[in-house]
Amino acid sequence: MSEPVAPPRRVIAVFAVVAVLIAGWAMFSTYRGPGIRGCHALYAAARTLDDTFAVDLKTPERDSIGRDAVTCGEIRGRARWFVTPDTPQMLVSRAIGIAGGVAALAALPALEWSGSAAVHTPDKEVDILGTWQVAPPDTARVTTWLAEEDSTSARALVVAGDKGWLLHGGKTAPMPAGQLAEERHQFYLYSLLRLLPLRDSGVTLTSLPSDSAGEPGILVHRAGRLDVALYFGPEGQVARMHTRFAALPGSPSGEEEVRLEGTVDVAGVQWFRQMHIYRDGRPYFDLAVIQGEASRGPASAWLPTPGNERHH
């Protein structure tokens, strides 16, 4: 009996190429056909993380040759090149999920932390320690003292809506109008880091071009507030903010950039570990969170005692 003749290598190669092309066409049709276009539209319309999860479970219509369709979530997971559109709503939804979710953020309307900071002045750098109690956007109390001293030398600033006070040595004075405008804007930035206010009806979100690092951004506009640009890091968290530092009408104002690094768990919410503020490109303020927790009492307890509001 004669030995079977092996097919020529050229025939094998052609057969392999054809098989690959057929398989590739089938996969391409599955993930580029009506199904993926339908999924893209659904993801683009999703406004919250819960909406996104709901889209994951949807099954687009079968294609023209009757193959069984897969869910949008399967398409998103299998096709590596599939990218959910970076709409402002989707960027915010991802950030909410990474920060701990809607429930955890909603349960933390006020928080406080101990920390260290460096204040950069034209002449020197001043190191301080302190506690930050924040109920953004409009209520806060910050108590600080020089790092080389103890807390008995502490001074505090308090903001409550359109009012502010400075406390030191048992005395309380109204906060100067210019400083109050500046502090109110800083505490407004904390409210944006809580993320949920970004979904308020009075907030307008607009897509921005990605920055030089490729991080997508959105512009946050709210009547009565300075505009703020938020840029999102590779994991989806807010990594940078760009705005102007607040000033009274007619007073000079400049560019402000806030960079965030690391996270610390505060009652199930992933809060920033470090904040670096730059004014007109120069270091202005560096903050490091040591330990944080949910506020232990009402924010009204942070306000000065009535009758103690007098000048130094």
Protein backbone atom coordinates (compact mmCIF):
# COMPACT_ATOMS: atom_id res chain seq x y z
CA MET A 1 0.00 0.00 0.00
CA SER A 2 1.37 3.39 -0.95
CA GLU A 3 1.90 6.08 1.70
CA PRO A 4 -0.70 8.89 1.74
CA VAL A 5 0.53 11.98 0.00
CA ALA A 6 0.73 15.05 2.26
CA PRO A 7 -0.83 18.17 0.79
CA PRO A 8 1.66 20.76 -0.41
CA ARG A 9 2.68 23.38 2.13
CA ARG A 10 1.31 26.10 -0.09
CA VAL A 11 -2.15 24.52 0.05
CA ILE A 12 -1.95 24.29 3.84
CA ALA A 13 -0.92 27.92 4.08
CA VAL A 14 -3.75 29.06 1.82
CA PHE A 15 -6.25 26.99 3.80
CA ALA A 16 -5.01 28.50 7.08
CA VAL A 17 -5.28 32.03 5.73
CA VAL A 18 -8.82 31.40 4.49
CA ALA A 19 -9.82 29.90 7.86
CA VAL A 20 -8.42 32.91 9.72
CA LEU A 21 -10.20 35.31 7.38
CA ILE A 22 -13.51 33.51 7.85
CA ALA A 23 -13.14 33.48 11.64
CA GLY A 24 -12.09 37.10 11.64
CA TRP A 25 -15.05 38.06 9.45
CA ALA A 26 -17.42 36.26 11.80
CA MET A 27 -15.99 37.99 14.88
CA PHE A 28 -15.91 41.32 13.07
CA SER A 29 -19.54 40.91 12.04
CA THR A 30 -20.53 40.00 15.58
CA TYR A 31 -18.78 42.92 17.23
CA ARG A 32 -19.14 45.54 14.51
CA GLY A 33 -22.64 44.81 13.32
CA PRO A 34 -25.92 46.31 14.45
CA GLY A 35 -25.32 44.94 17.95
CA ILE A 36 -22.29 47.04 18.81
CA ARG A 37 -23.78 50.16 17.26
CA GLY A 38 -26.87 49.66 19.38
CA CYS A 39 -24.73 49.16 22.49
CA HIS A 40 -22.74 52.31 21.77
CA ALA A 41 -25.96 54.31 21.62
CA LEU A 42 -27.23 52.81 24.88
CA TYR A 43 -23.96 53.47 26.73
CA ALA A 44 -23.85 57.03 25.41
CA ALA A 45 -27.35 57.64 26.79
CA ALA A 46 -26.54 56.18 30.23
CA ARG A 47 -26.34 58.93 32.86
CA THR A 48 -25.43 56.96 35.99
CA LEU A 49 -23.40 53.92 36.94
CA ASP A 50 -26.65 52.01 37.52
CA ASP A 51 -27.72 52.88 33.97
CA THR A 52 -24.43 51.48 32.69
CA PHE A 53 -24.95 48.21 34.55
CA ALA A 54 -28.45 47.98 33.05
CA VAL A 55 -27.00 48.38 29.54
CA ASP A 56 -24.52 45.56 30.26
CA LEU A 57 -27.51 43.18 30.56
CA LYS A 58 -29.26 44.26 27.36
CA THR A 59 -29.16 42.08 24.23
CA PRO A 60 -29.07 43.96 20.93
CA GLU A 61 -31.18 42.75 18.01
CA ARG A 62 -29.99 39.72 16.07
CA ASP A 63 -28.09 40.45 12.89
CA SER A 64 -29.29 39.70 9.38
CA ILE A 65 -28.03 36.10 9.26
CA GLY A 66 -29.70 35.12 12.51
CA ARG A 67 -26.72 34.46 14.78
CA ASP A 68 -27.49 34.49 18.47
CA ALA A 69 -26.76 37.96 19.81
CA VAL A 70 -24.68 38.49 22.92
CA THR A 71 -25.26 41.06 25.64
CA CYS A 72 -23.74 44.52 25.50
CA GLY A 73 -21.66 43.60 28.54
CA GLU A 74 -20.20 40.59 26.73
CA ILE A 75 -19.39 42.70 23.69
CA ARG A 76 -17.74 45.30 25.91
CA GLY A 77 -15.72 42.64 27.73
CA ARG A 78 -14.58 40.61 24.71
CA ALA A 79 -13.79 43.37 22.25
CA ARG A 80 -10.75 45.14 23.69
CA TRP A 81 -11.02 47.98 21.25
CA PHE A 82 -14.59 48.71 22.36
CA VAL A 83 -14.50 51.95 24.31
CA THR A 84 -17.53 53.36 26.07
CA PRO A 85 -17.90 56.99 24.94
CA ASP A 86 -16.34 59.45 27.40
CA THR A 87 -19.44 61.57 27.78
CA PRO A 88 -19.45 63.84 30.85
CA GLN A 89 -22.15 61.67 32.41
CA MET A 90 -20.13 58.49 31.90
CA LEU A 91 -16.96 60.06 33.32
CA VAL A 92 -18.84 61.15 36.41
CA SER A 93 -20.53 57.75 36.79
CA ARG A 94 -17.18 55.95 36.65
CA ALA A 95 -15.70 58.34 39.20
CA ILE A 96 -18.66 57.78 41.53
CA GLY A 97 -18.17 54.02 41.32
CA ILE A 98 -14.45 54.26 42.01
CA ALA A 99 -15.02 56.64 44.93
CA GLY A 100 -17.26 54.12 46.69
CA GLY A 101 -20.64 54.40 45.01
CA VAL A 102 -23.73 56.53 45.30
CA ALA A 103 -24.83 55.16 48.68
CA ALA A 104 -21.47 55.75 50.39
CA LEU A 105 -21.14 59.27 48.99
CA ALA A 106 -24.71 60.18 49.91
CA ALA A 107 -24.10 58.96 53.46
CA LEU A 108 -21.12 61.31 53.82
CA PRO A 109 -22.42 64.87 53.48
CA ALA A 110 -19.83 66.08 56.01
CA LEU A 111 -16.39 64.74 56.88
CA GLU A 112 -13.36 65.69 58.90
CA TRP A 113 -9.73 64.76 58.82
CA SER A 114 -6.44 65.43 60.54
CA GLY A 115 -3.59 66.45 58.32
CA SER A 116 -0.38 68.31 57.70
CA ALA A 117 0.17 71.10 55.23
CA ALA A 118 2.78 73.40 53.78
CA VAL A 119 1.91 77.02 52.98
CA HIS A 120 4.17 78.53 50.32
CA THR A 121 4.79 82.25 50.73
CA PRO A 122 7.15 84.44 48.67
CA ASP A 123 9.71 84.34 51.49
CA LYS A 124 9.42 80.89 53.03
CA GLU A 125 7.49 77.67 53.46
CA VAL A 126 5.38 77.38 56.60
CA ASP A 127 4.58 73.89 57.91
CA ILE A 128 1.34 73.45 59.83
CA LEU A 129 -0.77 70.73 61.41
CA GLY A 130 -4.51 70.78 61.85
CA THR A 131 -8.02 69.43 61.51
CA TRP A 132 -10.36 70.06 58.60
CA GLN A 133 -14.13 69.81 59.14
CA VAL A 134 -15.99 70.20 55.87
CA ALA A 135 -19.67 70.06 54.88
CA PRO A 136 -19.34 71.23 51.30
CA PRO A 137 -20.03 73.43 49.57
CA ASP A 138 -20.64 76.19 52.10
CA THR A 139 -19.83 75.13 55.65
CA ALA A 140 -16.39 74.39 57.07
CA ARG A 141 -14.10 74.88 60.03
CA VAL A 142 -10.32 74.57 59.68
CA THR A 143 -8.17 74.65 62.82
CA THR A 144 -4.39 74.84 62.37
CA TRP A 145 -1.20 75.51 64.32
CA LEU A 146 2.50 75.72 63.48
CA ALA A 147 4.12 72.30 63.23
CA GLU A 148 6.80 73.21 65.78
CA GLU A 149 4.16 74.27 68.31
CA ASP A 150 1.23 72.46 69.95
CA SER A 151 -2.49 72.89 69.41
CA THR A 152 -2.83 75.41 72.26
CA SER A 153 -1.62 78.04 69.78
CA ALA A 154 -4.25 77.06 67.21
CA ARG A 155 -6.23 79.50 65.16
CA ALA A 156 -9.34 78.67 63.14
CA LEU A 157 -11.34 79.91 60.20
CA VAL A 158 -15.04 79.20 59.86
CA VAL A 159 -17.23 79.55 56.79
CA ALA A 160 -21.02 79.25 56.83
CA GLY A 161 -22.71 80.32 53.61
CA ASP A 162 -21.91 83.95 52.88
CA LYS A 163 -20.43 84.56 56.33
CA GLY A 164 -16.99 83.82 57.72
CA TRP A 165 -14.99 84.29 60.90
CA LEU A 166 -11.42 84.10 62.13
CA LEU A 167 -10.81 82.73 65.64
CA HIS A 168 -7.64 83.05 67.71
CA GLY A 169 -6.81 83.46 71.38
CA GLY A 170 -10.42 83.25 72.47
CA LYS A 171 -11.48 86.10 70.18
CA THR A 172 -13.54 86.05 66.98
CA ALA A 173 -13.42 88.50 64.10
CA PRO A 174 -15.39 88.67 60.84
CA MET A 175 -13.43 87.29 57.91
CA PRO A 176 -12.34 89.95 55.40
CA ALA A 177 -14.51 89.92 52.28
CA GLY A 178 -11.66 89.00 49.92
CA GLN A 179 -10.56 86.06 52.04
CA LEU A 180 -14.16 84.89 52.40
CA ALA A 181 -14.64 84.80 48.62
CA GLU A 182 -11.47 82.78 48.27
CA GLU A 183 -12.30 80.30 51.03
CA ARG A 184 -15.85 79.76 49.77
CA HIS A 185 -14.49 78.79 46.36
CA GLN A 186 -12.01 76.34 47.89
CA PHE A 187 -14.75 74.58 49.84
CA TYR A 188 -16.90 74.52 46.70
CA LEU A 189 -14.12 72.45 45.10
CA TYR A 190 -14.54 69.90 47.89
CA SER A 191 -18.20 69.57 46.93
CA LEU A 192 -17.17 68.65 43.38
CA LEU A 193 -14.93 65.92 44.80
CA ARG A 194 -18.04 64.44 46.45
CA LEU A 195 -19.17 63.95 42.82
CA LEU A 196 -22.90 63.64 43.52
CA PRO A 197 -23.44 67.43 43.19
CA LEU A 198 -22.25 67.08 39.59
CA ARG A 199 -25.59 65.43 38.84
CA ASP A 200 -27.68 68.33 40.23
CA SER A 201 -30.12 69.93 37.81
CA GLY A 202 -28.44 73.32 38.16
CA VAL A 203 -25.08 71.98 36.94
CA THR A 204 -24.03 71.99 33.29
CA LEU A 205 -21.29 69.57 32.21
CA THR A 206 -19.41 70.08 28.94
CA SER A 207 -16.79 67.79 27.42
CA LEU A 208 -13.24 69.16 27.19
CA PRO A 209 -10.38 67.94 24.98
CA SER A 210 -8.03 65.53 26.73
CA ASP A 211 -5.00 67.17 28.34
CA SER A 212 -1.38 66.55 27.35
CA ALA A 213 -1.36 63.34 29.41
CA GLY A 214 -4.41 62.04 27.55
CA GLU A 215 -6.73 62.48 30.53
CA PRO A 216 -10.33 63.32 29.55
CA GLY A 217 -11.94 66.38 31.06
CA ILE A 218 -15.23 68.12 31.66
CA LEU A 219 -16.12 71.74 32.39
CA VAL A 220 -18.42 72.24 35.38
CA HIS A 221 -20.64 75.31 35.26
CA ARG A 222 -23.02 76.38 38.01
CA ALA A 223 -24.64 79.81 38.29
CA GLY A 224 -23.01 81.90 41.01
CA ARG A 225 -19.82 79.82 41.03
CA LEU A 226 -16.55 79.99 39.14
CA ASP A 227 -16.21 77.42 36.36
CA VAL A 228 -14.05 74.40 37.16
CA ALA A 229 -12.42 71.94 34.76
CA LEU A 230 -12.11 68.37 36.08
CA TYR A 231 -9.67 65.89 34.54
CA PHE A 232 -9.93 62.16 35.18
CA GLY A 233 -6.98 59.84 35.73
CA PRO A 234 -6.39 56.42 34.14
CA GLU A 235 -8.47 54.64 36.79
CA GLY A 236 -11.36 57.08 36.32
CA GLN A 237 -10.81 59.15 39.47
CA VAL A 238 -10.63 62.96 39.54
CA ALA A 239 -6.92 63.65 39.23
CA ARG A 240 -6.77 67.36 38.53
CA MET A 241 -8.89 70.52 38.71
CA HIS A 242 -8.31 73.78 36.89
CA THR A 243 -10.06 77.00 37.82
CA ARG A 244 -9.33 80.57 38.95
CA PHE A 245 -8.83 81.63 42.53
CA ALA A 246 -11.74 83.72 43.68
CA ALA A 247 -11.40 87.45 44.20
CA LEU A 248 -13.69 90.39 44.78
CA PRO A 249 -14.99 92.22 41.68
CA GLY A 250 -12.27 94.46 40.34
CA SER A 251 -9.50 92.60 42.16
CA PRO A 252 -6.86 90.63 40.24
CA SER A 253 -7.38 86.89 39.89
CA GLY A 254 -5.17 84.19 38.42
CA GLU A 255 -5.06 80.58 37.34
CA GLU A 256 -5.40 77.85 39.94
CA GLU A 257 -4.56 74.19 39.44
CA VAL A 258 -5.29 71.45 41.98
CA ARG A 259 -3.57 68.09 41.69
CA LEU A 260 -4.72 65.07 43.68
CA GLU A 261 -2.75 61.98 44.61
CA GLY A 262 -3.51 58.74 46.45
CA THR A 263 -6.61 57.82 48.43
CA VAL A 264 -7.66 57.40 52.03
CA ASP A 265 -10.81 55.56 53.09
CA VAL A 266 -13.31 57.82 54.87
CA ALA A 267 -16.44 55.88 55.89
CA GLY A 268 -16.34 53.84 52.70
CA VAL A 269 -15.53 56.79 50.43
CA GLN A 270 -12.17 57.02 48.68
CA TRP A 271 -11.02 60.56 49.50
CA PHE A 272 -7.79 62.08 48.25
CA ARG A 273 -4.59 61.48 50.22
CA GLN A 274 -2.67 64.53 48.98
CA MET A 275 -3.73 67.82 47.43
CA HIS A 276 -1.32 70.21 45.74
CA ILE A 277 -2.52 73.70 44.82
CA TYR A 278 -0.68 75.89 42.32
CA ARG A 279 -1.41 79.56 41.71
CA ASP A 280 -0.24 80.98 38.38
CA GLY A 281 2.04 77.96 38.04
CA ARG A 282 3.73 78.35 41.43
CA PRO A 283 3.28 76.12 44.50
CA TYR A 284 0.77 77.64 46.87
CA PHE A 285 -0.51 75.00 49.30
CA ASP A 286 0.19 71.31 49.90
CA LEU A 287 -2.13 69.20 52.05
CA ALA A 288 -1.65 65.62 53.25
CA VAL A 289 -4.58 63.79 54.88
CA ILE A 290 -3.43 61.65 57.80
CA GLN A 291 -6.73 60.15 58.90
CA GLY A 292 -10.35 60.90 58.05
CA GLU A 293 -13.83 60.02 59.29
CA ALA A 294 -17.46 60.99 58.93
CA SER A 295 -18.33 64.14 60.85
CA ARG A 296 -19.25 63.26 64.43
CA GLY A 297 -21.72 66.09 64.98
CA PRO A 298 -23.82 68.68 63.19
CA ALA A 299 -21.99 71.32 61.18
CA SER A 300 -23.79 73.98 63.22
CA ALA A 301 -21.52 73.05 66.13
CA TRP A 302 -18.54 74.41 64.19
CA LEU A 303 -19.86 77.97 64.21
CA PRO A 304 -18.63 80.60 66.66
CA THR A 305 -20.50 80.98 69.93
CA PRO A 306 -23.07 83.81 69.68
CA GLY A 307 -21.86 86.95 71.39
CA ASN A 308 -18.19 86.14 70.80
CA GLU A 309 -18.00 87.79 67.37
CA ARG A 310 -15.72 90.74 68.04
CA HIS A 311 -12.54 92.06 66.50
CA HIS A 312 -9.13 91.20 67.94
